[in-house]
PDB file of N, CA and C in Angstrom:
ATOM      1  N   MET A   1     -47.619  25.328  19.498  1.00  0.00           N
ATOM      2  CA  MET A   1     -46.542  24.201  19.563  1.00  0.00           C
ATOM      3  C   MET A   1     -45.379  24.476  18.866  1.00  0.00           C
ATOM      4  N   THR A   2     -45.169  25.413  18.042  1.00  0.00           N
ATOM      5  CA  THR A   2     -43.947  25.669  17.373  1.00  0.00           C
ATOM      6  C   THR A   2     -42.974  26.542  18.352  1.00  0.00           C
ATOM      7  N   ARG A   3     -43.762  27.528  19.211  1.00  0.00           N
ATOM      8  CA  ARG A   3     -43.121  28.290  20.064  1.00  0.00           C
ATOM      9  C   ARG A   3     -42.212  27.244  21.050  1.00  0.00           C
ATOM     10  N   THR A   4     -42.784  26.282  21.491  1.00  0.00           N
ATOM     11  CA  THR A   4     -42.178  25.416  22.345  1.00  0.00           C
ATOM     12  C   THR A   4     -41.201  24.582  21.852  1.00  0.00           C
ATOM     13  N   LEU A   5     -40.908  24.191  20.707  1.00  0.00           N
ATOM     14  CA  LEU A   5     -39.985  23.319  20.006  1.00  0.00           C
ATOM     15  C   LEU A   5     -38.589  24.203  19.680  1.00  0.00           C
ATOM     16  N   VAL A   6     -38.979  25.496  19.497  1.00  0.00           N
ATOM     17  CA  VAL A   6     -37.806  26.454  19.061  1.00  0.00           C
ATOM     18  C   VAL A   6     -36.529  26.447  19.950  1.00  0.00           C
ATOM     19  N   PRO A   7     -36.703  26.531  21.229  1.00  0.00           N
ATOM     20  CA  PRO A   7     -35.582  26.288  22.168  1.00  0.00           C
ATOM     21  C   PRO A   7     -34.894  24.928  22.288  1.00  0.00           C
ATOM     22  N   TRP A   8     -35.543  23.878  21.676  1.00  0.00           N
ATOM     23  CA  TRP A   8     -34.819  22.530  21.909  1.00  0.00           C
ATOM     24  C   TRP A   8     -34.488  22.287  20.486  1.00  0.00           C
ATOM     25  N   LEU A   9     -34.516  23.102  19.456  1.00  0.00           N
ATOM     26  CA  LEU A   9     -33.947  22.587  18.017  1.00  0.00           C
ATOM     27  C   LEU A   9     -32.450  22.323  18.360  1.00  0.00           C
ATOM     28  N   PRO A  10     -31.824  23.480  18.722  1.00  0.00           N
ATOM     29  CA  PRO A  10     -30.204  22.965  18.756  1.00  0.00           C
ATOM     30  C   PRO A  10     -29.854  21.720  19.281  1.00  0.00           C
ATOM     31  N   LEU A  11     -30.488  21.339  20.494  1.00  0.00           N
ATOM     32  CA  LEU A  11     -30.327  20.210  21.374  1.00  0.00           C
ATOM     33  C   LEU A  11     -30.569  18.956  20.477  1.00  0.00           C
ATOM     34  N   LEU A  12     -31.856  18.915  19.756  1.00  0.00           N
ATOM     35  CA  LEU A  12     -32.100  17.901  18.752  1.00  0.00           C
ATOM     36  C   LEU A  12     -31.423  17.785  17.713  1.00  0.00           C
ATOM     37  N   ALA A  13     -30.689  18.798  17.019  1.00  0.00           N
ATOM     38  CA  ALA A  13     -29.911  18.537  16.012  1.00  0.00           C
ATOM     39  C   ALA A  13     -28.699  18.103  16.332  1.00  0.00           C
ATOM     40  N   ALA A  14     -28.157  18.390  17.698  1.00  0.00           N
ATOM     41  CA  ALA A  14     -26.709  17.910  18.061  1.00  0.00           C
ATOM     42  C   ALA A  14     -27.177  16.179  18.593  1.00  0.00           C
ATOM     43  N   LEU A  15     -28.129  16.125  19.085  1.00  0.00           N
ATOM     44  CA  LEU A  15     -28.299  14.590  19.517  1.00  0.00           C
ATOM     45  C   LEU A  15     -28.672  13.635  18.060  1.00  0.00           C
ATOM     46  N   SER A  16     -29.468  14.371  16.998  1.00  0.00           N
ATOM     47  CA  SER A  16     -29.711  13.380  16.075  1.00  0.00           C
ATOM     48  C   SER A  16     -28.455  13.327  15.177  1.00  0.00           C
ATOM     49  N   SER A  17     -27.304  13.937  15.275  1.00  0.00           N
ATOM     50  CA  SER A  17     -26.048  13.770  14.432  1.00  0.00           C
ATOM     51  C   SER A  17     -25.262  12.788  15.224  1.00  0.00           C
ATOM     52  N   GLY A  18     -25.475  12.614  16.600  1.00  0.00           N
ATOM     53  CA  GLY A  18     -25.037  11.503  17.109  1.00  0.00           C
ATOM     54  C   GLY A  18     -25.318   9.962  16.806  1.00  0.00           C
ATOM     55  N   CYS A  19     -26.416   9.900  16.097  1.00  0.00           N
ATOM     56  CA  CYS A  19     -27.058   8.832  15.738  1.00  0.00           C
ATOM     57  C   CYS A  19     -26.632   8.295  14.326  1.00  0.00           C
ATOM     58  N   ALA A  20     -25.948   9.150  13.461  1.00  0.00           N
ATOM     59  CA  ALA A  20     -25.532   8.747  12.300  1.00  0.00           C
ATOM     60  C   ALA A  20     -24.509   7.315  12.269  1.00  0.00           C
ATOM     61  N   PRO A  21     -24.709   6.575  11.119  1.00  0.00           N
ATOM     62  CA  PRO A  21     -23.797   5.646  11.073  1.00  0.00           C
ATOM     63  C   PRO A  21     -22.465   5.818  11.061  1.00  0.00           C
ATOM     64  N   ALA A  22     -21.498   4.865  11.610  1.00  0.00           N
ATOM     65  CA  ALA A  22     -20.140   5.408  11.694  1.00  0.00           C
ATOM     66  C   ALA A  22     -19.455   5.418  10.200  1.00  0.00           C
ATOM     67  N   PRO A  23     -18.703   6.320  10.231  1.00  0.00           N
ATOM     68  CA  PRO A  23     -17.962   6.520   8.895  1.00  0.00           C
ATOM     69  C   PRO A  23     -17.170   5.265   8.488  1.00  0.00           C
ATOM     70  N   ALA A  24     -17.037   5.096   7.001  1.00  0.00           N
ATOM     71  CA  ALA A  24     -16.456   3.962   6.647  1.00  0.00           C
ATOM     72  C   ALA A  24     -14.745   3.948   7.030  1.00  0.00           C
ATOM     73  N   PRO A  25     -14.102   3.100   7.191  1.00  0.00           N
ATOM     74  CA  PRO A  25     -12.797   3.107   7.685  1.00  0.00           C
ATOM     75  C   PRO A  25     -12.031   3.946   6.504  1.00  0.00           C
ATOM     76  N   ALA A  26     -10.817   4.464   6.830  1.00  0.00           N
ATOM     77  CA  ALA A  26     -10.170   5.281   5.804  1.00  0.00           C
ATOM     78  C   ALA A  26      -9.220   4.379   4.797  1.00  0.00           C
ATOM     79  N   VAL A  27      -8.839   3.209   5.227  1.00  0.00           N
ATOM     80  CA  VAL A  27      -7.827   2.482   4.481  1.00  0.00           C
ATOM     81  C   VAL A  27      -8.329   1.027   4.595  1.00  0.00           C
ATOM     82  N   PRO A  28      -8.698   0.444   3.650  1.00  0.00           N
ATOM     83  CA  PRO A  28      -9.336  -1.121   3.722  1.00  0.00           C
ATOM     84  C   PRO A  28      -8.043  -1.915   3.959  1.00  0.00           C
ATOM     85  N   ALA A  29      -8.443  -3.257   4.684  1.00  0.00           N
ATOM     86  CA  ALA A  29      -7.466  -4.010   5.475  1.00  0.00           C
ATOM     87  C   ALA A  29      -6.531  -4.413   4.234  1.00  0.00           C
ATOM     88  N   ALA A  30      -7.017  -4.664   3.256  1.00  0.00           N
ATOM     89  CA  ALA A  30      -6.124  -5.280   2.203  1.00  0.00           C
ATOM     90  C   ALA A  30      -4.983  -4.321   1.854  1.00  0.00           C
ATOM     91  N   ASP A  31      -5.505  -3.022   1.574  1.00  0.00           N
ATOM     92  CA  ASP A  31      -4.459  -2.128   1.096  1.00  0.00           C
ATOM     93  C   ASP A  31      -3.371  -1.778   2.367  1.00  0.00           C
ATOM     94  N   GLU A  32      -3.951  -1.888   3.369  1.00  0.00           N
ATOM     95  CA  GLU A  32      -3.226  -1.533   4.693  1.00  0.00           C
ATOM     96  C   GLU A  32      -2.052  -2.625   4.551  1.00  0.00           C
ATOM     97  N   GLY A  33      -2.374  -4.023   4.496  1.00  0.00           N
ATOM     98  CA  GLY A  33      -1.293  -5.101   4.367  1.00  0.00           C
ATOM     99  C   GLY A  33      -0.461  -4.912   3.255  1.00  0.00           C
ATOM    100  N   ALA A  34      -0.951  -4.603   2.099  1.00  0.00           N
ATOM    101  CA  ALA A  34      -0.139  -4.322   0.790  1.00  0.00           C
ATOM    102  C   ALA A  34       0.854  -3.229   1.036  1.00  0.00           C
ATOM    103  N   ALA A  35       0.593  -2.226   1.991  1.00  0.00           N
ATOM    104  CA  ALA A  35       1.369  -1.105   2.173  1.00  0.00           C
ATOM    105  C   ALA A  35       2.758  -1.462   3.142  1.00  0.00           C
ATOM    106  N   LYS A  36       2.060  -2.257   4.103  1.00  0.00           N
ATOM    107  CA  LYS A  36       3.046  -3.003   5.177  1.00  0.00           C
ATOM    108  C   LYS A  36       4.022  -3.833   4.317  1.00  0.00           C
ATOM    109  N   ALA A  37       3.587  -4.581   3.107  1.00  0.00           N
ATOM    110  CA  ALA A  37       4.624  -5.579   2.605  1.00  0.00           C
ATOM    111  C   ALA A  37       5.547  -4.583   1.646  1.00  0.00           C
ATOM    112  N   ALA A  38       4.739  -3.723   1.236  1.00  0.00           N
ATOM    113  CA  ALA A  38       5.816  -3.037   0.142  1.00  0.00           C
ATOM    114  C   ALA A  38       6.886  -2.422   1.171  1.00  0.00           C
ATOM    115  N   SER A  39       6.538  -1.771   2.292  1.00  0.00           N
ATOM    116  CA  SER A  39       7.476  -1.136   3.080  1.00  0.00           C
ATOM    117  C   SER A  39       8.429  -2.130   3.617  1.00  0.00           C
ATOM    118  N   ALA A  40       8.025  -3.460   4.008  1.00  0.00           N
ATOM    119  CA  ALA A  40       9.131  -4.448   4.046  1.00  0.00           C
ATOM    120  C   ALA A  40      10.029  -4.708   3.062  1.00  0.00           C
ATOM    121  N   ALA A  41       9.591  -4.827   1.892  1.00  0.00           N
ATOM    122  CA  ALA A  41      10.335  -5.127   0.665  1.00  0.00           C
ATOM    123  C   ALA A  41      11.206  -3.999   0.351  1.00  0.00           C
ATOM    124  N   LEU A  42      10.850  -2.696   0.644  1.00  0.00           N
ATOM    125  CA  LEU A  42      11.748  -1.414   0.520  1.00  0.00           C
ATOM    126  C   LEU A  42      12.781  -1.501   1.480  1.00  0.00           C
ATOM    127  N   THR A  43      12.592  -1.930   2.625  1.00  0.00           N
ATOM    128  CA  THR A  43      13.727  -1.934   3.596  1.00  0.00           C
ATOM    129  C   THR A  43      14.684  -3.044   3.367  1.00  0.00           C
ATOM    130  N   ALA A  44      14.103  -4.101   3.079  1.00  0.00           N
ATOM    131  CA  ALA A  44      15.092  -5.273   2.745  1.00  0.00           C
ATOM    132  C   ALA A  44      15.961  -4.927   1.659  1.00  0.00           C
ATOM    133  N   LEU A  45      15.309  -4.304   0.403  1.00  0.00           N
ATOM    134  CA  LEU A  45      16.062  -3.841  -0.845  1.00  0.00           C
ATOM    135  C   LEU A  45      17.281  -2.893  -0.395  1.00  0.00           C
ATOM    136  N   SER A  46      16.791  -1.832   0.440  1.00  0.00           N
ATOM    137  CA  SER A  46      17.819  -0.805   0.880  1.00  0.00           C
ATOM    138  C   SER A  46      18.948  -1.360   1.453  1.00  0.00           C
ATOM    139  N   HIS A  47      18.945  -2.299   2.151  1.00  0.00           N
ATOM    140  CA  HIS A  47      20.174  -3.189   2.901  1.00  0.00           C
ATOM    141  C   HIS A  47      20.770  -3.928   2.041  1.00  0.00           C
ATOM    142  N   ARG A  48      20.298  -4.091   0.919  1.00  0.00           N
ATOM    143  CA  ARG A  48      21.146  -4.734  -0.244  1.00  0.00           C
ATOM    144  C   ARG A  48      21.465  -3.886  -1.501  1.00  0.00           C
ATOM    145  N   LYS A  49      21.812  -2.520  -1.072  1.00  0.00           N
ATOM    146  CA  LYS A  49      22.075  -1.546  -1.950  1.00  0.00           C
ATOM    147  C   LYS A  49      21.366  -1.598  -3.381  1.00  0.00           C
ATOM    148  N   PHE A  50      19.962  -1.751  -3.261  1.00  0.00           N
ATOM    149  CA  PHE A  50      19.196  -1.569  -4.371  1.00  0.00           C
ATOM    150  C   PHE A  50      18.666  -0.076  -3.912  1.00  0.00           C
ATOM    151  N   ASP A  51      18.876   0.718  -5.125  1.00  0.00           N
ATOM    152  CA  ASP A  51      18.201   2.061  -4.763  1.00  0.00           C
ATOM    153  C   ASP A  51      16.840   2.317  -4.936  1.00  0.00           C
ATOM    154  N   VAL A  52      16.264   2.545  -3.895  1.00  0.00           N
ATOM    155  CA  VAL A  52      14.884   2.782  -3.687  1.00  0.00           C
ATOM    156  C   VAL A  52      14.468   4.147  -3.360  1.00  0.00           C
ATOM    157  N   HIS A  53      15.375   5.007  -3.933  1.00  0.00           N
ATOM    158  CA  HIS A  53      15.159   6.576  -3.740  1.00  0.00           C
ATOM    159  C   HIS A  53      13.860   6.819  -4.547  1.00  0.00           C
ATOM    160  N   GLY A  54      13.032   7.635  -3.981  1.00  0.00           N
ATOM    161  CA  GLY A  54      11.707   7.826  -4.786  1.00  0.00           C
ATOM    162  C   GLY A  54      10.672   7.045  -4.781  1.00  0.00           C
ATOM    163  N   CYS A  55      10.988   5.749  -4.046  1.00  0.00           N
ATOM    164  CA  CYS A  55      10.050   4.721  -3.787  1.00  0.00           C
ATOM    165  C   CYS A  55       9.217   4.992  -2.556  1.00  0.00           C
ATOM    166  N   ALA A  56       7.699   4.874  -2.542  1.00  0.00           N
ATOM    167  CA  ALA A  56       6.972   5.161  -1.422  1.00  0.00           C
ATOM    168  C   ALA A  56       6.336   3.988  -1.425  1.00  0.00           C
ATOM    169  N   ALA A  57       6.071   3.462   0.030  1.00  0.00           N
ATOM    170  CA  ALA A  57       5.164   2.169   0.163  1.00  0.00           C
ATOM    171  C   ALA A  57       3.820   2.543  -0.136  1.00  0.00           C
ATOM    172  N   SER A  58       3.404   3.835   0.244  1.00  0.00           N
ATOM    173  CA  SER A  58       2.197   4.275   0.408  1.00  0.00           C
ATOM    174  C   SER A  58       1.691   4.487  -1.262  1.00  0.00           C
ATOM    175  N   GLU A  59       2.581   4.552  -2.264  1.00  0.00           N
ATOM    176  CA  GLU A  59       2.055   4.349  -3.641  1.00  0.00           C
ATOM    177  C   GLU A  59       1.893   3.047  -4.225  1.00  0.00           C
ATOM    178  N   ALA A  60       2.211   2.058  -3.536  1.00  0.00           N
ATOM    179  CA  ALA A  60       2.022   0.724  -4.160  1.00  0.00           C
ATOM    180  C   ALA A  60       0.383   0.315  -4.717  1.00  0.00           C
ATOM    181  N   ARG A  61       0.529  -0.401  -5.672  1.00  0.00           N
ATOM    182  CA  ARG A  61      -0.717  -0.627  -6.288  1.00  0.00           C
ATOM    183  C   ARG A  61      -0.742  -2.182  -6.011  1.00  0.00           C
ATOM    184  N   VAL A  62      -2.069  -2.327  -5.662  1.00  0.00           N
ATOM    185  CA  VAL A  62      -2.343  -3.775  -5.488  1.00  0.00           C
ATOM    186  C   VAL A  62      -2.931  -4.446  -6.982  1.00  0.00           C
ATOM    187  N   VAL A  63      -2.269  -5.618  -7.422  1.00  0.00           N
ATOM    188  CA  VAL A  63      -2.411  -6.074  -8.858  1.00  0.00           C
ATOM    189  C   VAL A  63      -2.574  -7.718  -8.410  1.00  0.00           C
ATOM    190  N   PRO A  64      -2.953  -8.197  -9.685  1.00  0.00           N
ATOM    191  CA  PRO A  64      -2.834  -9.837  -9.495  1.00  0.00           C
ATOM    192  C   PRO A  64      -1.605 -10.227  -9.508  1.00  0.00           C
ATOM    193  N   GLU A  65      -1.350 -11.449  -9.222  1.00  0.00           N
ATOM    194  CA  GLU A  65       0.103 -11.988  -9.116  1.00  0.00           C
ATOM    195  C   GLU A  65       0.769 -12.133 -10.413  1.00  0.00           C
ATOM    196  N   ALA A  66       0.034 -12.479 -11.491  1.00  0.00           N
ATOM    197  CA  ALA A  66       0.682 -12.423 -12.901  1.00  0.00           C
ATOM    198  C   ALA A  66       1.128 -11.115 -13.142  1.00  0.00           C
ATOM    199  N   GLU A  67       0.437  -9.952 -12.988  1.00  0.00           N
ATOM    200  CA  GLU A  67       0.994  -8.744 -13.385  1.00  0.00           C
ATOM    201  C   GLU A  67       2.013  -8.247 -12.463  1.00  0.00           C
ATOM    202  N   ALA A  68       2.202  -8.548 -11.178  1.00  0.00           N
ATOM    203  CA  ALA A  68       3.223  -8.359 -10.249  1.00  0.00           C
ATOM    204  C   ALA A  68       4.383  -8.963 -10.933  1.00  0.00           C
ATOM    205  N   ARG A  69       4.465 -10.310 -11.253  1.00  0.00           N
ATOM    206  CA  ARG A  69       5.487 -10.944 -11.667  1.00  0.00           C
ATOM    207  C   ARG A  69       6.015 -10.204 -12.871  1.00  0.00           C
ATOM    208  N   ALA A  70       5.046 -10.062 -13.788  1.00  0.00           N
ATOM    209  CA  ALA A  70       5.741  -9.522 -15.014  1.00  0.00           C
ATOM    210  C   ALA A  70       6.300  -8.277 -14.843  1.00  0.00           C
ATOM    211  N   GLY A  71       5.837  -7.491 -13.764  1.00  0.00           N
ATOM    212  CA  GLY A  71       6.510  -6.110 -13.466  1.00  0.00           C
ATOM    213  C   GLY A  71       6.198  -5.005 -14.294  1.00  0.00           C
ATOM    214  N   SER A  72       6.699  -3.983 -14.342  1.00  0.00           N
ATOM    215  CA  SER A  72       6.414  -2.813 -15.098  1.00  0.00           C
ATOM    216  C   SER A  72       7.606  -2.385 -15.833  1.00  0.00           C
ATOM    217  N   PRO A  73       7.420  -1.459 -17.203  1.00  0.00           N
ATOM    218  CA  PRO A  73       8.440  -1.181 -17.796  1.00  0.00           C
ATOM    219  C   PRO A  73       9.322  -0.067 -17.095  1.00  0.00           C
ATOM    220  N   GLN A  74      10.574   0.171 -17.583  1.00  0.00           N
ATOM    221  CA  GLN A  74      11.321   1.172 -17.090  1.00  0.00           C
ATOM    222  C   GLN A  74      10.812   2.392 -17.333  1.00  0.00           C
ATOM    223  N   GLY A  75      11.118   3.393 -16.422  1.00  0.00           N
ATOM    224  CA  GLY A  75      10.504   4.610 -16.503  1.00  0.00           C
ATOM    225  C   GLY A  75      11.119   5.669 -15.614  1.00  0.00           C
ATOM    226  N   GLU A  76      10.958   6.896 -15.754  1.00  0.00           N
ATOM    227  CA  GLU A  76      11.339   7.774 -14.815  1.00  0.00           C
ATOM    228  C   GLU A  76      11.176   7.748 -13.438  1.00  0.00           C
ATOM    229  N   ARG A  77      10.079   7.056 -12.932  1.00  0.00           N
ATOM    230  CA  ARG A  77       9.575   7.061 -11.677  1.00  0.00           C
ATOM    231  C   ARG A  77       9.644   5.539 -11.088  1.00  0.00           C
ATOM    232  N   CYS A  78       9.954   5.475  -9.640  1.00  0.00           N
ATOM    233  CA  CYS A  78       9.672   4.010  -9.178  1.00  0.00           C
ATOM    234  C   CYS A  78       8.472   3.587  -9.265  1.00  0.00           C
ATOM    235  N   VAL A  79       8.171   2.214  -9.490  1.00  0.00           N
ATOM    236  CA  VAL A  79       6.641   1.618  -9.442  1.00  0.00           C
ATOM    237  C   VAL A  79       6.835   0.557  -8.480  1.00  0.00           C
ATOM    238  N   ILE A  80       5.777   0.440  -7.799  1.00  0.00           N
ATOM    239  CA  ILE A  80       5.687  -0.723  -6.776  1.00  0.00           C
ATOM    240  C   ILE A  80       4.411  -1.499  -7.160  1.00  0.00           C
ATOM    241  N   LEU A  81       4.469  -2.835  -7.241  1.00  0.00           N
ATOM    242  CA  LEU A  81       3.247  -3.508  -7.523  1.00  0.00           C
ATOM    243  C   LEU A  81       3.278  -4.548  -6.410  1.00  0.00           C
ATOM    244  N   VAL A  82       2.107  -4.814  -5.821  1.00  0.00           N
ATOM    245  CA  VAL A  82       2.073  -5.854  -4.815  1.00  0.00           C
ATOM    246  C   VAL A  82       0.743  -6.699  -5.043  1.00  0.00           C
ATOM    247  N   ALA A  83       0.917  -7.962  -4.897  1.00  0.00           N
ATOM    248  CA  ALA A  83      -0.072  -9.059  -5.066  1.00  0.00           C
ATOM    249  C   ALA A  83       0.044 -10.109  -3.810  1.00  0.00           C
ATOM    250  N   ARG A  84      -1.189 -10.333  -3.538  1.00  0.00           N
ATOM    251  CA  ARG A  84      -1.395 -11.428  -2.365  1.00  0.00           C
ATOM    252  C   ARG A  84      -1.463 -12.886  -3.124  1.00  0.00           C
ATOM    253  N   ARG A  85      -0.423 -13.640  -2.529  1.00  0.00           N
ATOM    254  CA  ARG A  85      -0.258 -15.000  -3.176  1.00  0.00           C
ATOM    255  C   ARG A  85      -1.405 -15.859  -2.434  1.00  0.00           C
ATOM    256  N   SER A  86      -1.467 -17.140  -2.955  1.00  0.00           N
ATOM    257  CA  SER A  86      -2.484 -18.246  -2.461  1.00  0.00           C
ATOM    258  C   SER A  86      -2.025 -18.826  -1.179  1.00  0.00           C
ATOM    259  N   ASP A  87      -0.709 -18.615  -1.077  1.00  0.00           N
ATOM    260  CA  ASP A  87      -0.077 -19.143   0.326  1.00  0.00           C
ATOM    261  C   ASP A  87       0.163 -18.149   1.405  1.00  0.00           C
ATOM    262  N   GLN A  88      -0.804 -16.830   1.281  1.00  0.00           N
ATOM    263  CA  GLN A  88      -0.875 -15.536   1.983  1.00  0.00           C
ATOM    264  C   GLN A  88       0.369 -14.748   2.014  1.00  0.00           C
ATOM    265  N   THR A  89       1.355 -15.150   1.301  1.00  0.00           N
ATOM    266  CA  THR A  89       2.782 -14.320   1.231  1.00  0.00           C
ATOM    267  C   THR A  89       2.366 -13.266   0.261  1.00  0.00           C
ATOM    268  N   TRP A  90       3.139 -12.354   0.232  1.00  0.00           N
ATOM    269  CA  TRP A  90       3.033 -11.108  -0.688  1.00  0.00           C
ATOM    270  C   TRP A  90       4.015 -10.970  -1.570  1.00  0.00           C
ATOM    271  N   LEU A  91       3.814 -10.855  -2.964  1.00  0.00           N
ATOM    272  CA  LEU A  91       4.831 -10.800  -4.056  1.00  0.00           C
ATOM    273  C   LEU A  91       4.876  -9.154  -4.118  1.00  0.00           C
ATOM    274  N   VAL A  92       5.972  -8.744  -4.085  1.00  0.00           N
ATOM    275  CA  VAL A  92       6.224  -7.167  -4.297  1.00  0.00           C
ATOM    276  C   VAL A  92       7.347  -7.175  -5.342  1.00  0.00           C
ATOM    277  N   ALA A  93       6.790  -6.302  -6.280  1.00  0.00           N
ATOM    278  CA  ALA A  93       7.794  -6.008  -7.322  1.00  0.00           C
ATOM    279  C   ALA A  93       8.121  -4.482  -7.466  1.00  0.00           C
ATOM    280  N   VAL A  94       9.265  -4.282  -7.346  1.00  0.00           N
ATOM    281  CA  VAL A  94       9.875  -2.740  -7.386  1.00  0.00           C
ATOM    282  C   VAL A  94      10.713  -2.708  -8.295  1.00  0.00           C
ATOM    283  N   ARG A  95      10.258  -1.711  -9.088  1.00  0.00           N
ATOM    284  CA  ARG A  95      11.026  -1.137 -10.387  1.00  0.00           C
ATOM    285  C   ARG A  95      11.606   0.231 -10.233  1.00  0.00           C
ATOM    286  N   SER A  96      13.025   0.294  -9.916  1.00  0.00           N
ATOM    287  CA  SER A  96      13.596   1.698  -9.641  1.00  0.00           C
ATOM    288  C   SER A  96      13.503   2.637 -10.827  1.00  0.00           C
ATOM    289  N   SER A  97      13.651   3.914 -10.607  1.00  0.00           N
ATOM    290  CA  SER A  97      13.616   4.705 -11.784  1.00  0.00           C
ATOM    291  C   SER A  97      15.053   4.787 -12.487  1.00  0.00           C
ATOM    292  N   LEU A  98      14.980   4.956 -13.689  1.00  0.00           N
ATOM    293  CA  LEU A  98      16.007   5.048 -14.664  1.00  0.00           C
ATOM    294  C   LEU A  98      17.201   5.951 -14.016  1.00  0.00           C
ATOM    295  N   SER A  99      16.649   7.078 -13.395  1.00  0.00           N
ATOM    296  CA  SER A  99      17.673   8.097 -12.958  1.00  0.00           C
ATOM    297  C   SER A  99      18.209   7.470 -11.588  1.00  0.00           C
ATOM    298  N   SER A 100      18.073   6.413 -10.987  1.00  0.00           N
ATOM    299  CA  SER A 100      18.433   6.007  -9.845  1.00  0.00           C
ATOM    300  C   SER A 100      20.021   5.073  -9.984  1.00  0.00           C
ATOM    301  N   SER A 101      20.592   4.840  -9.109  1.00  0.00           N
ATOM    302  CA  SER A 101      21.793   4.222  -9.057  1.00  0.00           C
ATOM    303  C   SER A 101      21.506   2.666  -9.687  1.00  0.00           C
ATOM    304  N   SER A 102      20.246   2.056  -9.412  1.00  0.00           N
ATOM    305  CA  SER A 102      19.953   0.710  -9.899  1.00  0.00           C
ATOM    306  C   SER A 102      19.748   0.692 -11.352  1.00  0.00           C
ATOM    307  N   PHE A 103      19.541   1.930 -12.184  1.00  0.00           N
ATOM    308  CA  PHE A 103      19.269   1.949 -13.436  1.00  0.00           C
ATOM    309  C   PHE A 103      18.090   1.297 -13.892  1.00  0.00           C
ATOM    310  N   GLY A 104      16.696   1.441 -13.302  1.00  0.00           N
ATOM    311  CA  GLY A 104      15.616   0.792 -13.826  1.00  0.00           C
ATOM    312  C   GLY A 104      15.739  -0.697 -13.565  1.00  0.00           C
ATOM    313  N   ALA A 105      16.388  -1.148 -12.631  1.00  0.00           N
ATOM    314  CA  ALA A 105      16.295  -2.882 -12.437  1.00  0.00           C
ATOM    315  C   ALA A 105      14.985  -2.954 -11.651  1.00  0.00           C
ATOM    316  N   GLN A 106      14.649  -4.241 -11.635  1.00  0.00           N
ATOM    317  CA  GLN A 106      13.641  -4.636 -11.009  1.00  0.00           C
ATOM    318  C   GLN A 106      13.849  -5.943 -10.162  1.00  0.00           C
ATOM    319  N   ALA A 107      13.242  -5.787  -8.821  1.00  0.00           N
ATOM    320  CA  ALA A 107      13.396  -6.959  -7.861  1.00  0.00           C
ATOM    321  C   ALA A 107      12.042  -7.387  -7.469  1.00  0.00           C
ATOM    322  N   LEU A 108      12.061  -8.735  -7.363  1.00  0.00           N
ATOM    323  CA  LEU A 108      10.680  -9.427  -7.111  1.00  0.00           C
ATOM    324  C   LEU A 108      10.936 -10.011  -5.685  1.00  0.00           C
ATOM    325  N   VAL A 109      10.163  -9.308  -4.643  1.00  0.00           N
ATOM    326  CA  VAL A 109      10.306  -9.624  -3.285  1.00  0.00           C
ATOM    327  C   VAL A 109       9.329 -10.289  -2.604  1.00  0.00           C
ATOM    328  N   THR A 110       9.512 -11.534  -2.096  1.00  0.00           N
ATOM    329  CA  THR A 110       8.576 -12.420  -1.556  1.00  0.00           C
ATOM    330  C   THR A 110       8.492 -11.814   0.118  1.00  0.00           C
ATOM    331  N   VAL A 111       7.460 -11.479   0.419  1.00  0.00           N
ATOM    332  CA  VAL A 111       7.228 -10.938   1.964  1.00  0.00           C
ATOM    333  C   VAL A 111       6.406 -11.970   2.618  1.00  0.00           C
ATOM    334  N   LEU A 112       6.926 -12.168   3.926  1.00  0.00           N
ATOM    335  CA  LEU A 112       6.151 -13.270   4.775  1.00  0.00           C
ATOM    336  C   LEU A 112       4.525 -12.723   4.923  1.00  0.00           C
ATOM    337  N   PRO A 113       3.784 -13.635   5.363  1.00  0.00           N
ATOM    338  CA  PRO A 113       2.196 -13.169   5.446  1.00  0.00           C
ATOM    339  C   PRO A 113       2.036 -11.782   6.051  1.00  0.00           C
ATOM    340  N   GLN A 114       2.553 -11.746   7.441  1.00  0.00           N
ATOM    341  CA  GLN A 114       2.077 -10.678   8.208  1.00  0.00           C
ATOM    342  C   GLN A 114       3.163  -9.357   7.790  1.00  0.00           C
ATOM    343  N   ALA A 115       3.986  -9.434   6.794  1.00  0.00           N
ATOM    344  CA  ALA A 115       4.992  -8.500   6.619  1.00  0.00           C
ATOM    345  C   ALA A 115       6.018  -8.504   7.629  1.00  0.00           C
ATOM    346  N   GLU A 116       6.185  -9.622   8.293  1.00  0.00           N
ATOM    347  CA  GLU A 116       7.349  -9.434   9.306  1.00  0.00           C
ATOM    348  C   GLU A 116       8.674  -9.866   8.831  1.00  0.00           C
ATOM    349  N   GLY A 117       8.734 -10.094   7.427  1.00  0.00           N
ATOM    350  CA  GLY A 117       9.986 -10.205   7.016  1.00  0.00           C
ATOM    351  C   GLY A 117       9.978 -10.468   5.613  1.00  0.00           C
ATOM    352  N   VAL A 118      11.358 -10.991   5.105  1.00  0.00           N
ATOM    353  CA  VAL A 118      11.122 -11.258   3.623  1.00  0.00           C
ATOM    354  C   VAL A 118      11.852 -12.747   3.263  1.00  0.00           C
ATOM    355  N   GLY A 119      11.139 -13.385   2.554  1.00  0.00           N
ATOM    356  CA  GLY A 119      11.418 -14.760   2.156  1.00  0.00           C
ATOM    357  C   GLY A 119      12.409 -14.799   1.142  1.00  0.00           C
ATOM    358  N   ALA A 120      12.489 -14.016   0.095  1.00  0.00           N
ATOM    359  CA  ALA A 120      13.121 -14.227  -0.901  1.00  0.00           C
ATOM    360  C   ALA A 120      13.242 -12.944  -1.792  1.00  0.00           C
ATOM    361  N   ILE A 121      14.351 -12.790  -2.496  1.00  0.00           N
ATOM    362  CA  ILE A 121      14.705 -11.610  -3.528  1.00  0.00           C
ATOM    363  C   ILE A 121      15.151 -12.052  -4.722  1.00  0.00           C
ATOM    364  N   GLU A 122      14.395 -11.722  -5.965  1.00  0.00           N
ATOM    365  CA  GLU A 122      14.872 -12.246  -7.241  1.00  0.00           C
ATOM    366  C   GLU A 122      15.145 -10.640  -8.065  1.00  0.00           C
ATOM    367  N   TYR A 123      16.224 -10.615  -8.744  1.00  0.00           N
ATOM    368  CA  TYR A 123      16.638  -9.341  -9.282  1.00  0.00           C
ATOM    369  C   TYR A 123      16.526  -9.622 -10.901  1.00  0.00           C
ATOM    370  N   THR A 124      15.859  -8.667 -11.605  1.00  0.00           N
ATOM    371  CA  THR A 124      15.860  -8.631 -12.906  1.00  0.00           C
ATOM    372  C   THR A 124      15.976  -7.222 -13.789  1.00  0.00           C
ATOM    373  N   ARG A 125      16.098  -7.203 -15.055  1.00  0.00           N
ATOM    374  CA  ARG A 125      16.493  -6.002 -15.546  1.00  0.00           C
ATOM    375  C   ARG A 125      15.205  -5.792 -16.334  1.00  0.00           C
TER     376      ARG A 125
END
């Protein structure tokens, strides 16, 4: 019996690997939406002469709304915090780096639900 199975082992191994469960998605939908919202916010801010140099939408952190509204302390790196609000809009807090021309200023950007545009921008220090 062992002799007759030996030629079929490579075929059986190849077929069994095809029956494995599908891999998990690389990026969860919430993180993808947050990255799109962060990208929309950065685009809007760059059109308003807010220095977004060194800011990357892919580095945005998803946080509760209160934490996003509070923002982050000034520092050497740009920080992006994103929160999903109860009305399905996104609140994106962008803190520019101290070395940027915005000197560590912070912008609170309200991004529309599907990240199709910006509803409002508030600036703070």
